[in-house]
Amino acid sequence: MLRILKFASWKLNLNKKFIIRGSLKNRKINNDQNIINLPQKELLKLDNNTSQWATASVLLGDKKRLKKPPFKLKLTYEAVSHWKKQRKNNKSWVPRFDQTILNQTKTYLELLKGKKAKFYPEQAEDFCFAYVFGFMTVEKGGKLWPSLRNHESNRISEMKKVIKQAEKGEKIISKDHRVIQAIIMWGKVNKKEVDIKYPSAVNKSWPQFWNFVKDNK
């Protein structure tokens, strides 16, 4: 949300001051407000190729639509289109299920039952899950999604580290929600106890994660 809110503040001349806390303090985030004048193609090059600046531009009224947008930007296009269509017909916006979590959940449940599952990572948020279960290599993930190195953690090195820690029975001290979710599911499938220091971190993207894990053993 930080990038989107900063972009909105700059675009609308709100002059907001943002208080940075937690893992955001260690992340490289552009602070040049002149980017509000850049086209989406140029915005996509910022901060290790994250789509968030371009998403902010679209949400703030940019009507440009790229032919082959990255996964998250494509979802933004669809969301804006849906909103306009619903409002035109005097209808309310219909919330969309998190397809990323849904796809990972389906694969996890198959693996939990000992089945041979197939999983096709579509975007950066799939990396941790895909890597821990052998559906993707570090090399391929890093090549496809450079932004992996600038999330709540450097997810490429973080996943390598937590897998080694989990195999040794050491406590996982990562605060990255995707990393924690992936290593916990890996532990359940491989019947290994995984000790997490910051379990509440998963609330960022999956508030019901621990209930889901508890209900699906």
Protein backbone atom coordinates (compact mmCIF):
# COMPACT_ATOMS: atom_id res chain seq x y z
CA MET A 1 0.00 0.00 0.00
CA LEU A 2 2.90 2.38 0.67
CA ARG A 3 3.79 2.90 -2.98
CA ILE A 4 0.16 3.39 -3.97
CA LEU A 5 -0.48 5.89 -1.18
CA LYS A 6 2.73 7.80 -1.89
CA PHE A 7 1.85 7.99 -5.58
CA ALA A 8 -1.63 9.27 -4.70
CA SER A 9 -0.18 11.87 -2.34
CA TRP A 10 2.15 13.15 -5.06
CA LYS A 11 -0.42 13.00 -7.84
CA LEU A 12 -3.12 14.80 -5.83
CA ASN A 13 -0.74 17.28 -4.17
CA LEU A 14 -1.70 16.10 -0.71
CA ASN A 15 1.80 16.45 0.77
CA LYS A 16 1.31 13.56 3.16
CA LYS A 17 4.07 12.45 5.51
CA PHE A 18 4.52 8.68 5.76
CA ILE A 19 5.77 7.02 8.92
CA ILE A 20 7.83 3.98 7.94
CA ARG A 21 7.87 1.02 10.31
CA GLY A 22 8.73 -2.68 10.39
CA SER A 23 10.35 -4.29 7.36
CA LEU A 24 9.64 -1.19 5.25
CA LYS A 25 12.63 0.49 6.89
CA ASN A 26 14.98 -1.90 5.10
CA ARG A 27 13.34 -1.80 1.69
CA LYS A 28 14.51 0.28 -1.24
CA ILE A 29 11.51 2.35 -2.27
CA ASN A 30 11.63 5.21 -4.76
CA ASN A 31 11.10 8.64 -3.26
CA ASP A 32 11.13 10.78 -6.40
CA GLN A 33 7.69 12.29 -6.87
CA ASN A 34 8.46 13.16 -10.50
CA ILE A 35 7.63 9.55 -11.40
CA ILE A 36 3.95 10.53 -11.51
CA ASN A 37 4.68 11.79 -15.02
CA LEU A 38 6.19 8.52 -16.25
CA PRO A 39 4.30 6.08 -18.52
CA GLN A 40 3.51 2.64 -17.14
CA LYS A 41 6.36 1.00 -19.06
CA GLU A 42 8.86 3.21 -17.26
CA LEU A 43 7.15 2.80 -13.87
CA LEU A 44 7.53 -0.96 -14.25
CA LYS A 45 11.30 -0.56 -14.25
CA LEU A 46 11.41 1.01 -10.78
CA ASP A 47 12.21 -0.77 -7.49
CA ASN A 48 13.34 -4.06 -9.03
CA ASN A 49 10.49 -4.12 -11.55
CA THR A 50 7.60 -4.07 -9.12
CA SER A 51 4.22 -3.43 -10.76
CA GLN A 52 2.98 -1.34 -7.82
CA TRP A 53 3.90 2.08 -9.21
CA ALA A 54 2.13 1.30 -12.48
CA THR A 55 -0.84 -0.01 -10.52
CA ALA A 56 -0.98 3.27 -8.60
CA SER A 57 -0.95 5.20 -11.87
CA VAL A 58 -3.89 3.20 -13.21
CA LEU A 59 -5.86 3.61 -9.98
CA LEU A 60 -5.24 7.36 -10.22
CA GLY A 61 -6.75 7.56 -13.69
CA ASP A 62 -4.13 6.43 -16.23
CA LYS A 63 -6.21 4.95 -19.06
CA LYS A 64 -3.26 3.35 -20.88
CA ARG A 65 -3.46 -0.45 -21.16
CA LEU A 66 -0.32 -2.42 -22.01
CA LYS A 67 -0.71 -5.42 -24.31
CA LYS A 68 1.25 -7.77 -22.05
CA PRO A 69 1.07 -6.41 -18.50
CA PRO A 70 2.60 -8.30 -15.56
CA PHE A 71 0.20 -10.41 -13.51
CA LYS A 72 -0.64 -7.87 -10.80
CA LEU A 73 -1.06 -4.98 -13.24
CA LYS A 74 -3.43 -7.11 -15.31
CA LEU A 75 -5.53 -7.66 -12.18
CA THR A 76 -5.64 -3.90 -11.68
CA TYR A 77 -6.90 -3.39 -15.22
CA GLU A 78 -9.62 -5.95 -14.57
CA ALA A 79 -10.56 -4.40 -11.23
CA VAL A 80 -10.92 -0.90 -12.69
CA SER A 81 -12.94 -2.24 -15.61
CA HIS A 82 -15.21 -4.18 -13.22
CA TRP A 83 -15.71 -1.11 -11.04
CA LYS A 84 -16.71 1.09 -13.96
CA LYS A 85 -19.07 -1.55 -15.33
CA GLN A 86 -20.79 -2.08 -11.98
CA ARG A 87 -21.19 1.65 -11.35
CA LYS A 88 -22.58 2.19 -14.83
CA ASN A 89 -25.28 -0.37 -14.06
CA ASN A 90 -25.93 1.00 -10.55
CA LYS A 91 -24.51 -2.11 -8.95
CA SER A 92 -22.04 -2.62 -6.13
CA TRP A 93 -18.46 -3.74 -6.57
CA VAL A 94 -18.14 -7.53 -6.16
CA PRO A 95 -15.08 -8.64 -4.13
CA ARG A 96 -12.72 -11.07 -5.81
CA PHE A 97 -11.23 -14.16 -4.19
CA ASP A 98 -7.46 -14.26 -3.85
CA GLN A 99 -6.59 -16.59 -6.73
CA THR A 100 -2.96 -16.83 -5.59
CA ILE A 101 -3.90 -18.27 -2.21
CA LEU A 102 -6.59 -20.45 -3.77
CA ASN A 103 -4.17 -22.06 -6.24
CA GLN A 104 -1.55 -22.67 -3.55
CA THR A 105 -4.19 -24.12 -1.23
CA LYS A 106 -5.43 -26.60 -3.81
CA THR A 107 -1.89 -27.81 -4.50
CA TYR A 108 -1.04 -28.00 -0.78
CA LEU A 109 -4.10 -30.17 -0.05
CA GLU A 110 -3.13 -32.56 -2.85
CA LEU A 111 0.44 -32.82 -1.52
CA LEU A 112 -0.89 -33.32 2.00
CA LYS A 113 -2.82 -36.36 0.76
CA GLY A 114 0.31 -37.78 -0.87
CA LYS A 115 -0.81 -37.05 -4.40
CA LYS A 116 1.39 -35.93 -7.28
CA ALA A 117 0.42 -32.32 -7.70
CA LYS A 118 1.09 -29.82 -10.46
CA PHE A 119 1.60 -26.15 -9.77
CA TYR A 120 2.25 -23.37 -12.24
CA PRO A 121 3.70 -20.21 -10.64
CA GLU A 122 2.11 -17.18 -12.26
CA GLN A 123 3.70 -14.27 -10.41
CA ALA A 124 6.19 -13.30 -7.71
CA GLU A 125 3.83 -14.12 -4.84
CA ASP A 126 3.97 -17.77 -5.94
CA PHE A 127 7.74 -18.09 -5.62
CA CYS A 128 8.08 -19.10 -1.96
CA PHE A 129 5.48 -21.84 -2.28
CA ALA A 130 6.74 -23.00 -5.68
CA TYR A 131 10.37 -23.12 -4.54
CA VAL A 132 9.85 -24.94 -1.26
CA PHE A 133 7.92 -27.70 -3.04
CA GLY A 134 10.28 -27.98 -6.00
CA PHE A 135 8.05 -26.45 -8.66
CA MET A 136 10.57 -23.70 -9.42
CA THR A 137 14.28 -23.05 -9.11
CA VAL A 138 15.89 -20.01 -7.53
CA GLU A 139 17.46 -19.13 -10.87
CA LYS A 140 14.17 -19.09 -12.72
CA GLY A 141 12.38 -17.18 -9.98
CA GLY A 142 15.08 -14.52 -9.85
CA LYS A 143 15.06 -14.13 -13.61
CA LEU A 144 11.29 -13.86 -13.91
CA TRP A 145 10.74 -11.63 -10.89
CA PRO A 146 13.66 -9.40 -9.85
CA SER A 147 11.32 -7.80 -7.30
CA LEU A 148 11.68 -10.94 -5.14
CA ARG A 149 14.80 -9.36 -3.71
CA ASN A 150 12.89 -6.37 -2.38
CA HIS A 151 9.80 -7.62 -0.55
CA GLU A 152 9.51 -7.96 3.23
CA SER A 153 12.73 -9.88 2.77
CA ASN A 154 14.99 -10.95 -0.06
CA ARG A 155 12.74 -13.93 -0.70
CA ILE A 156 15.35 -15.80 -2.71
CA SER A 157 17.95 -15.88 0.06
CA GLU A 158 15.31 -15.98 2.80
CA MET A 159 13.74 -19.18 1.48
CA LYS A 160 17.11 -20.88 1.24
CA LYS A 161 17.82 -19.91 4.83
CA VAL A 162 14.50 -20.97 6.37
CA ILE A 163 14.52 -24.34 4.62
CA LYS A 164 17.90 -25.11 6.19
CA GLN A 165 16.65 -23.89 9.56
CA ALA A 166 13.50 -25.98 9.33
CA GLU A 167 15.44 -29.11 8.36
CA LYS A 168 17.65 -28.63 11.45
CA GLY A 169 14.66 -28.00 13.70
CA GLU A 170 15.70 -24.40 14.39
CA LYS A 171 13.23 -21.59 15.04
CA ILE A 172 12.21 -19.57 11.97
CA ILE A 173 12.69 -15.89 12.69
CA SER A 174 11.50 -14.54 9.33
CA LYS A 175 8.82 -11.85 9.38
CA ASP A 176 7.88 -12.37 5.73
CA HIS A 177 4.29 -13.62 5.44
CA ARG A 178 4.83 -15.58 2.21
CA VAL A 179 7.96 -17.23 3.57
CA ILE A 180 6.21 -18.32 6.76
CA GLN A 181 3.18 -19.67 4.93
CA ALA A 182 5.36 -21.67 2.53
CA ILE A 183 7.62 -23.22 5.19
CA ILE A 184 4.69 -24.15 7.44
CA MET A 185 2.92 -25.94 4.58
CA TRP A 186 6.20 -27.64 3.69
CA GLY A 187 6.50 -28.81 7.29
CA LYS A 188 2.98 -30.24 7.35
CA VAL A 189 3.48 -32.12 4.09
CA ASN A 190 6.85 -33.48 5.23
CA LYS A 191 5.65 -34.17 8.81
CA LYS A 192 8.19 -31.84 10.37
CA GLU A 193 7.47 -29.49 13.24
CA VAL A 194 8.30 -25.92 12.26
CA ASP A 195 8.66 -23.34 15.02
CA ILE A 196 7.76 -19.77 14.00
CA LYS A 197 8.80 -16.74 16.04
CA TYR A 198 6.42 -14.28 14.38
CA PRO A 199 3.20 -16.19 13.53
CA SER A 200 1.10 -13.03 13.25
CA ALA A 201 3.08 -11.95 10.16
CA VAL A 202 0.77 -14.08 7.99
CA ASN A 203 -2.11 -11.71 8.74
CA LYS A 204 -0.91 -9.41 5.98
CA SER A 205 -2.20 -11.66 3.21
CA TRP A 206 -3.94 -14.63 4.88
CA PRO A 207 -5.52 -13.83 8.29
CA GLN A 208 -7.15 -17.28 8.48
CA PHE A 209 -3.95 -19.16 7.65
CA TRP A 210 -3.46 -20.81 11.03
CA ASN A 211 -7.09 -21.91 11.17
CA PHE A 212 -6.72 -23.35 7.68
CA VAL A 213 -3.62 -25.32 8.67
CA LYS A 214 -5.28 -26.54 11.86
CA ASP A 215 -8.41 -27.71 10.00
CA ASN A 216 -6.42 -29.50 7.28
CA LYS A 217 -3.96 -31.93 8.83
